[in-house]
Amino acid sequence: MAALENQVAQNRRSSALLEKTRKEYPFINNTVGRLKFDTGDQYQSETWKPNEPGTPTNPRPEDFPMDLTGIQVFNPNATTSDVAGEAMHADPRAQAAQQTMMKLLSPQQWEVLKHGARDYQDSLPQGEESARRNAVDSAIRGYVMNQWPDAANAEMQYTPEQLQELDQLRQYTRRGY
């Protein structure tokens, strides 16, 4: 009985956080269908794009329909910006911004990311390209979703062209179009 009550409470929390995120960041309505809290590394979340089955050691949650994007959240204190930042992994506009930013970053900015973005270090076992993508995602979330302190964003010394790309993405996330 307690397990069922816990599951019902988790479902309510997941639904409430997803609904609140949809209001603050309407762009997720374009991609995200499900959200659920789960146990695991509290510093990690997992985005499951449509038709992404996972691996034998990390399978897609059974309650995520294959035709929808789902977000698995491991941090019990996750915020709307955490969920929206995770949703950017499945959003075509956010992914286009990532590709643009990867081309625009200077060698100095890459050094800042290599030494300052946890995502870079954590992703190195998957290879340099994966680490670079994840570091850029971190920087984008840091700026667009205000997940980084102002000093960390300032350290990136974004160019006017980069700021334009980031500001356009920020506007998109708040408007949904």
Protein backbone atom coordinates (compact mmCIF):
# COMPACT_ATOMS: atom_id res chain seq x y z
CA MET A 1 0.00 0.00 0.00
CA ALA A 2 2.82 2.44 0.90
CA ALA A 3 4.51 1.80 -2.47
CA LEU A 4 1.30 2.66 -4.31
CA GLU A 5 0.83 5.84 -2.26
CA ASN A 6 4.45 6.81 -2.97
CA GLN A 7 3.93 6.24 -6.71
CA VAL A 8 0.77 8.37 -6.69
CA ALA A 9 2.64 11.16 -4.86
CA GLN A 10 5.53 10.96 -7.35
CA ASN A 11 3.08 11.15 -10.26
CA ARG A 12 1.45 14.24 -8.76
CA ARG A 13 4.85 15.92 -8.24
CA SER A 14 5.88 15.06 -11.80
CA SER A 15 2.63 16.38 -13.26
CA ALA A 16 2.78 19.57 -11.19
CA LEU A 17 6.39 20.29 -12.18
CA LEU A 18 5.70 19.59 -15.85
CA GLU A 19 2.64 21.85 -15.83
CA LYS A 20 4.52 24.67 -14.11
CA THR A 21 7.40 24.30 -16.59
CA ARG A 22 4.95 24.41 -19.53
CA LYS A 23 3.69 27.78 -18.27
CA GLU A 24 7.13 29.30 -17.68
CA TYR A 25 8.81 27.77 -20.73
CA PRO A 26 6.13 27.12 -23.37
CA PHE A 27 8.67 25.84 -25.88
CA ILE A 28 8.54 22.45 -24.15
CA ASN A 29 5.00 22.02 -25.42
CA ASN A 30 6.62 21.48 -28.83
CA THR A 31 8.53 18.40 -27.67
CA VAL A 32 8.01 17.04 -24.14
CA GLY A 33 5.21 14.60 -23.45
CA ARG A 34 6.13 13.05 -20.10
CA LEU A 35 8.17 13.77 -16.99
CA LYS A 36 8.85 11.52 -14.07
CA PHE A 37 10.92 11.62 -10.90
CA ASP A 38 13.17 8.64 -10.38
CA THR A 39 16.03 7.56 -8.14
CA GLY A 40 19.65 7.92 -9.18
CA ASP A 41 22.38 10.55 -9.39
CA GLN A 42 20.71 13.76 -8.19
CA TYR A 43 22.92 15.82 -10.50
CA GLN A 44 21.67 14.05 -13.56
CA SER A 45 18.53 13.91 -15.66
CA GLU A 46 17.83 11.91 -18.77
CA THR A 47 15.96 13.02 -21.86
CA TRP A 48 14.42 10.25 -23.93
CA LYS A 49 13.64 11.34 -27.47
CA PRO A 50 10.92 9.56 -29.45
CA ASN A 51 11.92 6.05 -30.57
CA GLU A 52 15.04 6.10 -28.37
CA PRO A 53 15.08 2.70 -26.63
CA GLY A 54 18.18 3.20 -24.51
CA THR A 55 20.66 0.41 -23.86
CA PRO A 56 20.48 -2.90 -21.99
CA THR A 57 22.11 -1.23 -18.96
CA ASN A 58 20.11 2.01 -19.29
CA PRO A 59 16.74 1.22 -20.90
CA ARG A 60 14.01 3.72 -21.65
CA PRO A 61 11.50 3.86 -18.77
CA GLU A 62 8.61 1.52 -19.57
CA ASP A 63 6.02 4.21 -18.87
CA PHE A 64 7.43 6.59 -21.53
CA PRO A 65 5.54 6.02 -24.78
CA MET A 66 7.94 5.52 -27.69
CA ASP A 67 6.32 8.31 -29.71
CA LEU A 68 6.86 10.99 -27.04
CA THR A 69 9.84 12.72 -25.49
CA GLY A 70 10.14 11.93 -21.82
CA ILE A 71 12.32 13.44 -19.13
CA GLN A 72 13.52 11.35 -16.23
CA VAL A 73 14.50 13.58 -13.29
CA PHE A 74 16.70 12.26 -10.50
CA ASN A 75 16.97 15.44 -8.43
CA PRO A 76 14.05 15.60 -5.98
CA ASN A 77 14.51 19.39 -5.86
CA ALA A 78 14.47 19.93 -9.63
CA THR A 79 13.17 23.29 -10.79
CA THR A 80 11.35 24.43 -13.90
CA SER A 81 14.63 25.68 -15.36
CA ASP A 82 16.16 22.23 -14.79
CA VAL A 83 13.33 20.58 -16.71
CA ALA A 84 13.38 23.22 -19.46
CA GLY A 85 17.14 22.88 -19.77
CA GLU A 86 16.78 19.15 -20.16
CA ALA A 87 14.00 19.60 -22.74
CA MET A 88 16.43 21.55 -24.90
CA HIS A 89 18.08 18.21 -25.77
CA ALA A 90 14.99 17.24 -27.76
CA ASP A 91 14.07 20.62 -29.22
CA PRO A 92 15.13 21.25 -32.85
CA ARG A 93 15.57 25.02 -32.34
CA ALA A 94 17.74 24.49 -29.26
CA GLN A 95 19.79 21.87 -31.07
CA ALA A 96 20.33 24.26 -34.00
CA ALA A 97 21.55 26.89 -31.52
CA GLN A 98 23.95 24.33 -30.05
CA GLN A 99 25.40 23.63 -33.50
CA THR A 100 25.78 27.36 -34.15
CA MET A 101 27.44 27.99 -30.80
CA MET A 102 29.87 25.11 -31.31
CA LYS A 103 31.09 26.86 -34.47
CA LEU A 104 31.25 30.30 -32.86
CA LEU A 105 33.21 29.50 -29.69
CA SER A 106 36.77 30.78 -29.57
CA PRO A 107 39.70 28.67 -28.32
CA GLN A 108 39.67 30.72 -25.10
CA GLN A 109 35.97 29.95 -24.55
CA TRP A 110 36.63 26.25 -25.12
CA GLU A 111 39.30 26.40 -22.43
CA VAL A 112 36.85 27.98 -20.01
CA LEU A 113 34.38 25.18 -20.71
CA LYS A 114 36.98 22.42 -20.45
CA HIS A 115 38.00 23.59 -17.00
CA GLY A 116 34.71 24.96 -15.69
CA ALA A 117 31.87 22.85 -17.06
CA ARG A 118 31.24 19.68 -15.11
CA ASP A 119 29.43 18.34 -18.18
CA TYR A 120 32.68 18.40 -20.14
CA GLN A 121 34.63 16.38 -17.58
CA ASP A 122 31.76 13.94 -16.97
CA SER A 123 31.37 13.28 -20.71
CA LEU A 124 35.03 12.68 -21.57
CA PRO A 125 34.67 8.89 -21.25
CA GLN A 126 32.27 9.05 -24.24
CA GLY A 127 34.86 10.93 -26.29
CA GLU A 128 35.98 14.49 -26.98
CA GLU A 129 33.10 15.31 -29.35
CA SER A 130 30.50 14.22 -26.80
CA ALA A 131 32.28 16.20 -24.08
CA ARG A 132 32.33 19.31 -26.28
CA ARG A 133 28.61 19.01 -27.12
CA ASN A 134 27.70 18.55 -23.47
CA ALA A 135 29.87 21.48 -22.40
CA VAL A 136 28.18 23.73 -24.98
CA ASP A 137 24.78 22.49 -23.80
CA SER A 138 25.81 23.40 -20.26
CA ALA A 139 26.90 26.89 -21.32
CA ILE A 140 23.67 27.43 -23.24
CA ARG A 141 21.55 26.29 -20.28
CA GLY A 142 23.74 28.42 -18.03
CA TYR A 143 22.88 31.54 -19.99
CA VAL A 144 19.41 30.84 -21.39
CA MET A 145 17.95 29.15 -18.29
CA ASN A 146 20.01 31.16 -15.77
CA GLN A 147 21.58 27.97 -14.45
CA TRP A 148 25.03 29.53 -14.15
CA PRO A 149 26.01 32.38 -11.85
CA ASP A 150 26.55 35.73 -13.58
CA ALA A 151 30.31 35.43 -13.00
CA ALA A 152 30.46 32.13 -14.92
CA ASN A 153 28.50 33.60 -17.83
CA ALA A 154 30.75 36.67 -17.79
CA GLU A 155 33.84 34.47 -17.88
CA MET A 156 32.69 33.14 -21.25
CA GLN A 157 33.06 36.66 -22.72
CA TYR A 158 30.39 36.07 -25.34
CA THR A 159 30.67 38.03 -28.57
CA PRO A 160 27.74 40.13 -29.85
CA GLU A 161 26.97 37.38 -32.41
CA GLN A 162 26.94 34.72 -29.69
CA LEU A 163 24.77 36.87 -27.43
CA GLN A 164 22.31 37.39 -30.25
CA GLU A 165 22.01 33.62 -30.73
CA LEU A 166 21.62 33.03 -26.99
CA ASP A 167 19.10 35.85 -26.53
CA GLN A 168 17.00 34.60 -29.45
CA LEU A 169 16.97 31.14 -27.91
CA ARG A 170 16.01 32.59 -24.52
CA GLN A 171 13.07 34.42 -26.11
CA TYR A 172 11.99 31.27 -27.93
CA THR A 173 12.02 29.22 -24.72
CA ARG A 174 9.73 31.75 -23.03
CA ARG A 175 7.36 32.22 -26.00
CA GLY A 176 7.31 28.75 -27.51
CA TYR A 177 7.64 30.02 -31.07
